Amino acid sequence: MKKLLLIGIVLFCLFGCSTNHEDINTFKGQILKADTLIVGTSPDYPPFETMNASGQLEGFEIDVLEKLVAIINEQQGTQLKLEWKVMDFNNIIGALQANQIDIGMSAFTYRADRDCLFAKPHILSKQVIITRADTGITTKEDLAGKKVGAGIGTTGAKVVEKIDGAILVHPGDYTIMFQALQAGQLDAVVCDESVGDNYVLSMGFVKLEEVLADESMSAIINKNKPLIEETVSQAVEEFLNSPDYQLLLQKWGLVTE
């Protein structure tokens, strides 16, 4: 009896207090709520995810996941809906591990120390330096002694930590970070190239040509739920080969040469 009770406690810890009563050895059984995919995102990173003037989520990855759910529904014979949960980027992996969300979708790039599964990548990315024209910064070596913004827990922050003499600063989300750069409270920001391009156009910043890291972005999933990762990856594979993929790249200004 004690052994059975222990097994029950372990399963509860793995899959949370779920309203889903499907077999946990199936994709439908590994999502938290029947017919709903709960997704955590931090909407401060246009053009990937942001909040529009009406308070609605929008962006490339928001659209991507909607397309992926449509593909999953066709492949799996499900009727999944999306439920978005807005949270700080640094809390999304913890929310996965605590079974509060099924997926994290917030410009995640692979890192071995991120304790989760990564679905098949849906876009390539680069980490770059964004600065003002008056800073005199032209290379990463010029960041020595300078205040450089990057989000907590991001790949950009890891990159900044490796630059000799650079002072890593976390003034808030990326919206606040670029406002701080504009106000002279920061000397530079390290971020994904497409995000930087967005702020170069809208706020008049300068992007350095030097690439600090080449990456790819993926949805992330609880490491104890491999069937969700497998299902999402299969959907990504189909999506990447569809006309919809190129249309979304064009819509969000992400067309690659």
Protein backbone atom coordinates (compact mmCIF):
# COMPACT_ATOMS: atom_id res chain seq x y z
CA MET A 1 0.00 0.00 0.00
CA LYS A 2 2.81 2.42 0.87
CA LYS A 3 4.51 1.63 -2.44
CA LEU A 4 1.32 2.40 -4.36
CA LEU A 5 0.91 5.64 -2.44
CA LEU A 6 4.50 6.62 -3.26
CA ILE A 7 3.93 5.92 -6.97
CA GLY A 8 0.84 8.11 -6.85
CA ILE A 9 2.78 10.97 -5.26
CA VAL A 10 5.53 10.71 -7.89
CA LEU A 11 3.01 10.80 -10.74
CA PHE A 12 1.33 13.81 -9.16
CA CYS A 13 4.68 15.61 -8.97
CA LEU A 14 5.49 14.77 -12.57
CA PHE A 15 2.20 15.73 -14.13
CA GLY A 16 0.73 18.20 -11.67
CA CYS A 17 -2.81 18.72 -10.54
CA SER A 18 -4.25 18.24 -14.02
CA THR A 19 -7.80 18.13 -15.30
CA ASN A 20 -6.61 15.72 -17.99
CA HIS A 21 -7.60 12.07 -17.47
CA GLU A 22 -5.99 10.61 -20.60
CA ASP A 23 -3.31 7.90 -20.54
CA ILE A 24 -0.05 9.61 -19.51
CA ASN A 25 1.81 7.47 -22.06
CA THR A 26 0.14 9.39 -24.90
CA PHE A 27 0.52 12.95 -26.17
CA LYS A 28 -2.99 13.84 -25.00
CA GLY A 29 -2.22 12.39 -21.59
CA GLN A 30 0.91 14.49 -21.13
CA ILE A 31 -0.75 17.89 -21.63
CA LEU A 32 -2.14 19.48 -18.48
CA LYS A 33 -5.71 20.12 -19.61
CA ALA A 34 -7.78 18.13 -22.05
CA ASP A 35 -8.05 19.86 -25.43
CA THR A 36 -5.87 22.80 -24.29
CA LEU A 37 -2.19 23.56 -24.76
CA ILE A 38 -0.96 25.95 -22.06
CA VAL A 39 1.92 28.12 -23.24
CA GLY A 40 4.19 30.46 -21.29
CA THR A 41 5.66 33.52 -23.02
CA SER A 42 7.32 36.83 -22.20
CA PRO A 43 5.91 39.40 -24.66
CA ASP A 44 8.76 41.92 -24.60
CA TYR A 45 10.70 40.71 -27.62
CA PRO A 46 9.29 41.97 -30.94
CA PRO A 47 8.99 40.70 -33.64
CA PHE A 48 8.87 37.28 -31.91
CA GLU A 49 6.35 38.05 -29.17
CA THR A 50 4.92 41.33 -27.95
CA MET A 51 1.69 42.90 -26.70
CA ASN A 52 -0.12 45.20 -29.12
CA ALA A 53 -1.98 48.42 -28.26
CA SER A 54 -5.15 46.41 -27.66
CA GLY A 55 -3.45 44.19 -25.10
CA GLN A 56 -3.36 41.18 -27.42
CA LEU A 57 -0.35 38.93 -27.93
CA GLU A 58 1.18 39.06 -31.38
CA GLY A 59 4.43 38.18 -33.10
CA PHE A 60 6.15 35.59 -35.24
CA GLU A 61 6.24 32.87 -32.56
CA ILE A 62 2.64 33.55 -31.55
CA ASP A 63 1.60 32.92 -35.15
CA VAL A 64 3.93 29.93 -35.45
CA LEU A 65 2.37 28.17 -32.48
CA GLU A 66 -1.12 28.75 -33.82
CA LYS A 67 -0.03 27.07 -37.07
CA LEU A 68 1.60 24.22 -35.16
CA VAL A 69 -1.55 23.56 -33.14
CA ALA A 70 -3.58 23.36 -36.36
CA ILE A 71 -1.10 20.80 -37.71
CA ILE A 72 -1.14 18.82 -34.44
CA ASN A 73 -4.93 18.73 -34.48
CA GLU A 74 -4.83 17.29 -37.98
CA GLN A 75 -2.06 14.81 -37.21
CA GLN A 76 -3.41 13.68 -33.83
CA GLY A 77 -7.14 13.99 -34.43
CA THR A 78 -7.37 16.44 -31.52
CA GLN A 79 -9.22 19.74 -31.06
CA LEU A 80 -6.57 21.63 -29.11
CA LYS A 81 -6.97 25.27 -28.21
CA LEU A 82 -4.18 27.59 -27.05
CA GLU A 83 -4.09 29.16 -23.59
CA TRP A 84 -1.32 31.74 -23.20
CA LYS A 85 0.26 32.63 -19.85
CA VAL A 86 2.28 35.84 -19.73
CA MET A 87 5.29 35.68 -17.38
CA ASP A 88 8.86 36.87 -16.98
CA PHE A 89 11.24 35.09 -19.33
CA ASN A 90 13.37 33.91 -16.43
CA ASN A 91 10.37 32.10 -14.88
CA ILE A 92 9.25 30.08 -17.90
CA ILE A 93 11.52 27.05 -17.40
CA GLY A 94 10.53 26.93 -13.72
CA ALA A 95 6.88 27.02 -14.75
CA LEU A 96 7.51 24.05 -17.05
CA GLN A 97 9.18 22.11 -14.25
CA ALA A 98 6.31 22.96 -11.86
CA ASN A 99 3.75 21.74 -14.43
CA GLN A 100 2.07 25.12 -14.72
CA ILE A 101 2.50 25.21 -18.52
CA ASP A 102 2.93 22.65 -21.30
CA ILE A 103 5.24 24.66 -23.54
CA GLY A 104 7.52 27.68 -23.34
CA MET A 105 7.54 29.83 -26.49
CA SER A 106 9.68 32.91 -26.02
CA ALA A 107 12.68 32.95 -28.39
CA PHE A 108 14.39 30.08 -26.54
CA THR A 109 17.74 28.93 -27.89
CA TYR A 110 19.43 25.68 -26.95
CA ARG A 111 21.67 25.65 -23.88
CA ALA A 112 22.76 22.49 -22.10
CA ASP A 113 22.11 24.06 -18.68
CA ARG A 114 18.45 24.69 -19.50
CA ASP A 115 16.78 21.71 -17.87
CA CYS A 116 14.14 20.98 -20.50
CA LEU A 117 13.49 19.44 -23.91
CA PHE A 118 13.86 21.45 -27.10
CA ALA A 119 11.57 20.87 -30.05
CA LYS A 120 12.90 21.00 -33.60
CA PRO A 121 14.08 24.60 -34.26
CA HIS A 122 11.68 26.83 -36.19
CA ILE A 123 14.08 29.70 -37.02
CA LEU A 124 17.78 30.55 -37.00
CA SER A 125 19.05 33.49 -34.98
CA LYS A 126 22.16 35.51 -34.08
CA GLN A 127 23.23 37.45 -30.99
CA VAL A 128 24.36 40.99 -31.87
CA ILE A 129 25.27 44.29 -30.21
CA ILE A 130 22.89 47.25 -30.44
CA THR A 131 24.16 50.67 -29.38
CA ARG A 132 23.71 54.40 -29.95
CA ALA A 133 25.64 56.21 -32.68
CA ASP A 134 27.38 58.43 -30.10
CA THR A 135 28.96 55.70 -27.94
CA GLY A 136 31.99 55.02 -30.13
CA ILE A 137 31.39 51.28 -29.74
CA THR A 138 32.38 49.43 -32.94
CA THR A 139 33.50 45.99 -31.66
CA LYS A 140 32.83 43.78 -28.66
CA GLU A 141 36.21 44.80 -27.23
CA ASP A 142 34.84 48.34 -26.91
CA LEU A 143 32.32 47.04 -24.34
CA ALA A 144 35.03 46.87 -21.65
CA GLY A 145 33.91 49.11 -18.80
CA LYS A 146 30.54 49.68 -20.47
CA LYS A 147 27.06 48.88 -19.16
CA VAL A 148 25.53 46.24 -21.42
CA GLY A 149 21.90 45.16 -21.10
CA ALA A 150 20.64 41.58 -21.58
CA GLY A 151 17.71 39.67 -20.12
CA ILE A 152 18.13 37.49 -17.04
CA GLY A 153 18.64 33.87 -18.06
CA THR A 154 19.07 34.70 -21.75
CA THR A 155 21.77 33.51 -24.11
CA GLY A 156 22.64 37.17 -24.60
CA ALA A 157 23.49 37.47 -20.92
CA LYS A 158 25.79 34.44 -21.18
CA VAL A 159 27.53 36.06 -24.14
CA VAL A 160 28.04 39.35 -22.27
CA GLU A 161 29.53 37.50 -19.30
CA LYS A 162 32.29 36.23 -21.58
CA ILE A 163 33.27 39.69 -22.88
CA ASP A 164 36.27 41.00 -20.95
CA GLY A 165 35.39 44.03 -18.83
CA ALA A 166 31.75 44.30 -19.95
CA ILE A 167 29.34 45.18 -17.13
CA LEU A 168 26.18 43.06 -17.45
CA VAL A 169 23.01 44.95 -16.44
CA HIS A 170 19.40 43.75 -16.14
CA PRO A 171 17.29 46.95 -15.95
CA GLY A 172 14.03 45.16 -16.77
CA ASP A 173 12.43 43.57 -19.81
CA TYR A 174 13.67 44.43 -23.29
CA THR A 175 11.19 47.26 -23.74
CA ILE A 176 12.66 48.96 -20.67
CA MET A 177 16.17 47.97 -21.70
CA PHE A 178 16.03 49.80 -25.02
CA GLN A 179 14.47 52.82 -23.36
CA ALA A 180 17.44 52.81 -20.96
CA LEU A 181 19.80 52.64 -23.93
CA GLN A 182 18.06 55.60 -25.53
CA ALA A 183 18.29 57.57 -22.27
CA GLY A 184 22.02 56.92 -21.90
CA GLN A 185 21.61 54.65 -18.88
CA LEU A 186 23.06 51.77 -20.90
CA ASP A 187 25.85 51.78 -23.46
CA ALA A 188 24.64 48.76 -25.45
CA VAL A 189 22.17 45.88 -25.52
CA VAL A 190 22.89 42.32 -26.66
CA CYS A 191 19.91 40.54 -28.20
CA ASP A 192 18.70 38.49 -31.16
CA GLU A 193 19.42 40.17 -34.47
CA SER A 194 15.79 40.42 -35.58
CA VAL A 195 14.85 42.04 -32.27
CA GLY A 196 17.73 44.47 -32.60
CA ASP A 197 16.74 45.31 -36.18
CA ASN A 198 13.27 46.18 -34.92
CA TYR A 199 14.65 48.73 -32.43
CA VAL A 200 17.20 50.08 -34.92
CA LEU A 201 14.31 50.98 -37.21
CA SER A 202 11.97 52.30 -34.52
CA MET A 203 14.45 54.11 -32.23
CA GLY A 204 17.43 54.96 -34.45
CA PHE A 205 20.05 52.71 -32.86
CA VAL A 206 23.09 51.19 -34.55
CA LYS A 207 23.68 47.46 -35.03
CA LEU A 208 27.27 46.23 -35.06
CA GLU A 209 28.12 43.83 -37.88
CA GLU A 210 29.99 41.50 -35.53
CA VAL A 211 28.00 38.35 -34.66
CA LEU A 212 28.49 37.14 -31.09
CA ALA A 213 26.73 33.77 -31.48
CA ASP A 214 24.81 31.77 -34.08
CA GLU A 215 21.71 30.07 -32.68
CA SER A 216 18.30 28.60 -33.44
CA MET A 217 14.98 29.01 -31.63
CA SER A 218 12.71 26.23 -30.38
CA ALA A 219 9.67 25.61 -28.24
CA ILE A 220 10.68 24.12 -24.87
CA ILE A 221 8.93 21.29 -23.03
CA ASN A 222 9.15 19.59 -19.63
CA LYS A 223 11.89 16.93 -19.83
CA ASN A 224 9.48 14.34 -18.38
CA LYS A 225 7.03 14.81 -21.27
CA PRO A 226 8.84 13.55 -24.37
CA LEU A 227 5.64 12.86 -26.29
CA ILE A 228 4.80 16.57 -26.29
CA GLU A 229 8.27 17.35 -27.67
CA GLU A 230 7.94 14.61 -30.30
CA THR A 231 4.52 15.84 -31.37
CA VAL A 232 5.58 19.49 -31.57
CA SER A 233 8.74 18.58 -33.50
CA GLN A 234 6.71 16.59 -36.04
CA ALA A 235 4.43 19.59 -36.50
CA VAL A 236 7.44 21.91 -36.93
CA GLU A 237 8.83 19.59 -39.62
CA GLU A 238 5.61 19.82 -41.60
CA PHE A 239 5.28 23.57 -41.00
CA LEU A 240 8.82 24.37 -42.22
CA ASN A 241 7.98 22.76 -45.55
CA SER A 242 4.70 24.63 -45.99
CA PRO A 243 4.02 27.95 -47.78
CA ASP A 244 2.74 29.33 -44.46
CA TYR A 245 6.27 29.37 -43.07
CA GLN A 246 7.62 31.72 -45.71
CA LEU A 247 4.50 33.89 -45.44
CA LEU A 248 5.05 34.34 -41.69
CA LEU A 249 8.73 35.14 -42.20
CA GLN A 250 7.69 37.86 -44.64
CA LYS A 251 4.89 39.12 -42.39
CA TRP A 252 7.28 39.71 -39.49
CA GLY A 253 10.26 40.94 -41.50
CA LEU A 254 12.31 37.80 -40.91
CA VAL A 255 13.05 36.78 -44.51
CA THR A 256 16.60 35.51 -44.74
CA GLU A 257 18.86 36.01 -47.72
